[in-house]
Amino acid sequence: HCRLSLFDQILFVAANVAYYLAGMEAIRQYFNQFVVLQDAEWQAFAACLQKRSLAKKEKLLVLGQVCQEICFIESGSFRFYHEREDGTEWVTAFFFAGDFVTNYRSVITHQPSS
């Protein structure tokens, strides 16, 4: 049973990578930089995580959707961008393996992304 009050949901995002336990170890190592969790604590936390894969160019969040997840990138890369009226893209940020990615404003306020 999941008992996290800090996050509603954390999703592992792995671009075109099969599910394997190495991803769980990657996020555990990330958190170990700040606080070392005992095995029982880690197992309780890990039970709350969900892992999924996205295809190349698949969107994690579309403008106007409410963001409901905080994602840890196991492998691959993501970018935040806006489409201009003329069809060009304006890139505002890049995220890589080992990074967390989310639309914090939308997650916290439960308002549509903008």
Protein backbone atom coordinates (compact mmCIF):
# COMPACT_ATOMS: atom_id res chain seq x y z
CA HIS A 1 0.00 0.00 0.00
CA CYS A 2 1.34 3.43 -0.96
CA ARG A 3 1.65 5.96 1.88
CA LEU A 4 3.32 8.99 0.34
CA SER A 5 2.05 12.39 1.20
CA LEU A 6 4.68 14.32 -0.77
CA PHE A 7 3.84 13.17 -4.27
CA ASP A 8 0.54 11.97 -5.66
CA GLN A 9 2.37 9.97 -8.24
CA ILE A 10 5.90 9.55 -9.55
CA LEU A 11 6.32 7.96 -12.92
CA PHE A 12 9.49 6.59 -14.33
CA VAL A 13 9.86 7.57 -17.94
CA ALA A 14 12.20 5.54 -20.08
CA ALA A 15 12.26 6.32 -23.79
CA ASN A 16 12.20 3.01 -25.68
CA VAL A 17 13.76 1.02 -22.84
CA ALA A 18 12.36 -2.24 -21.50
CA TYR A 19 11.35 -2.44 -17.86
CA TYR A 20 14.24 -3.57 -15.67
CA LEU A 21 15.33 -3.05 -12.10
CA ALA A 22 18.32 -0.86 -12.98
CA GLY A 23 15.92 2.08 -13.26
CA MET A 24 14.78 1.64 -9.69
CA GLU A 25 18.40 1.59 -8.57
CA ALA A 26 19.03 4.85 -10.48
CA ILE A 27 16.34 6.73 -8.59
CA ARG A 28 17.47 5.20 -5.29
CA GLN A 29 21.00 6.45 -5.96
CA TYR A 30 19.58 9.90 -6.75
CA PHE A 31 17.78 10.09 -3.40
CA ASN A 32 20.80 8.64 -1.56
CA GLN A 33 22.60 11.89 -2.38
CA PHE A 34 20.27 13.62 0.09
CA VAL A 35 19.13 10.94 2.52
CA VAL A 36 20.02 7.27 2.73
CA LEU A 37 16.87 5.18 2.99
CA GLN A 38 16.90 1.89 4.81
CA ASP A 39 15.78 -1.08 2.70
CA ALA A 40 12.31 -1.16 4.30
CA GLU A 41 11.87 2.60 3.70
CA TRP A 42 13.01 2.25 0.09
CA GLN A 43 10.67 -0.68 -0.53
CA ALA A 44 7.71 1.31 0.83
CA PHE A 45 8.62 4.27 -1.40
CA ALA A 46 9.32 2.12 -4.47
CA ALA A 47 5.89 0.48 -4.13
CA CYS A 48 4.39 3.89 -4.97
CA LEU A 49 6.32 4.30 -8.21
CA GLN A 50 5.05 3.46 -11.66
CA LYS A 51 7.25 2.93 -14.68
CA ARG A 52 6.32 3.57 -18.26
CA SER A 53 8.02 4.11 -21.59
CA LEU A 54 7.37 6.78 -24.15
CA ALA A 55 8.06 6.44 -27.85
CA LYS A 56 10.35 8.96 -29.49
CA LYS A 57 8.48 12.26 -30.04
CA GLU A 58 5.58 11.11 -27.83
CA LYS A 59 4.43 14.00 -25.65
CA LEU A 60 4.52 13.74 -21.89
CA LEU A 61 2.17 16.72 -21.45
CA VAL A 62 0.13 18.71 -23.94
CA LEU A 63 -0.59 22.41 -23.55
CA GLY A 64 -3.83 22.87 -21.59
CA GLN A 65 -3.66 19.53 -19.76
CA VAL A 66 -3.33 19.40 -15.99
CA CYS A 67 0.01 17.82 -15.11
CA GLN A 68 -0.48 15.09 -12.51
CA GLU A 69 2.94 13.49 -12.38
CA ILE A 70 6.56 14.04 -11.54
CA CYS A 71 8.80 12.00 -13.79
CA PHE A 72 12.31 10.70 -13.38
CA ILE A 73 14.09 10.17 -16.68
CA GLU A 74 15.86 6.83 -16.67
CA SER A 75 17.19 7.21 -20.20
CA GLY A 76 16.64 9.45 -23.16
CA SER A 77 15.89 13.16 -23.18
CA PHE A 78 12.96 15.55 -23.09
CA ARG A 79 12.43 19.18 -23.99
CA PHE A 80 9.92 21.82 -23.01
CA TYR A 81 8.77 23.80 -26.01
CA HIS A 82 5.97 26.01 -27.24
CA GLU A 83 4.63 26.06 -30.78
CA ARG A 84 4.44 29.53 -32.26
CA GLU A 85 1.66 30.68 -34.53
CA ASP A 86 3.92 30.26 -37.57
CA GLY A 87 4.51 26.58 -36.66
CA THR A 88 8.07 26.98 -35.38
CA GLU A 89 9.05 25.65 -31.98
CA TRP A 90 10.47 27.69 -29.12
CA VAL A 91 12.49 25.38 -26.83
CA THR A 92 12.60 26.56 -23.21
CA ALA A 93 14.39 23.66 -21.47
CA PHE A 94 16.08 20.30 -21.93
CA PHE A 95 16.04 17.33 -19.53
CA PHE A 96 18.24 14.23 -19.61
CA ALA A 97 18.72 10.86 -17.90
CA GLY A 98 18.88 11.35 -14.14
CA ASP A 99 16.70 14.48 -14.22
CA PHE A 100 13.21 15.00 -12.88
CA VAL A 101 10.75 16.63 -15.25
CA THR A 102 7.29 18.03 -14.60
CA ASN A 103 5.22 21.16 -14.95
CA TYR A 104 5.50 22.16 -11.29
CA ARG A 105 3.00 25.00 -11.49
CA SER A 106 0.35 22.72 -12.95
CA VAL A 107 1.09 19.88 -10.50
CA ILE A 108 0.90 22.14 -7.45
CA THR A 109 -2.09 24.26 -8.48
CA HIS A 110 -4.01 21.56 -10.38
CA GLN A 111 -4.46 24.13 -13.16
CA PRO A 112 -3.99 23.43 -16.90
CA SER A 113 -0.45 23.81 -18.22
CA SER A 114 0.29 27.02 -20.05
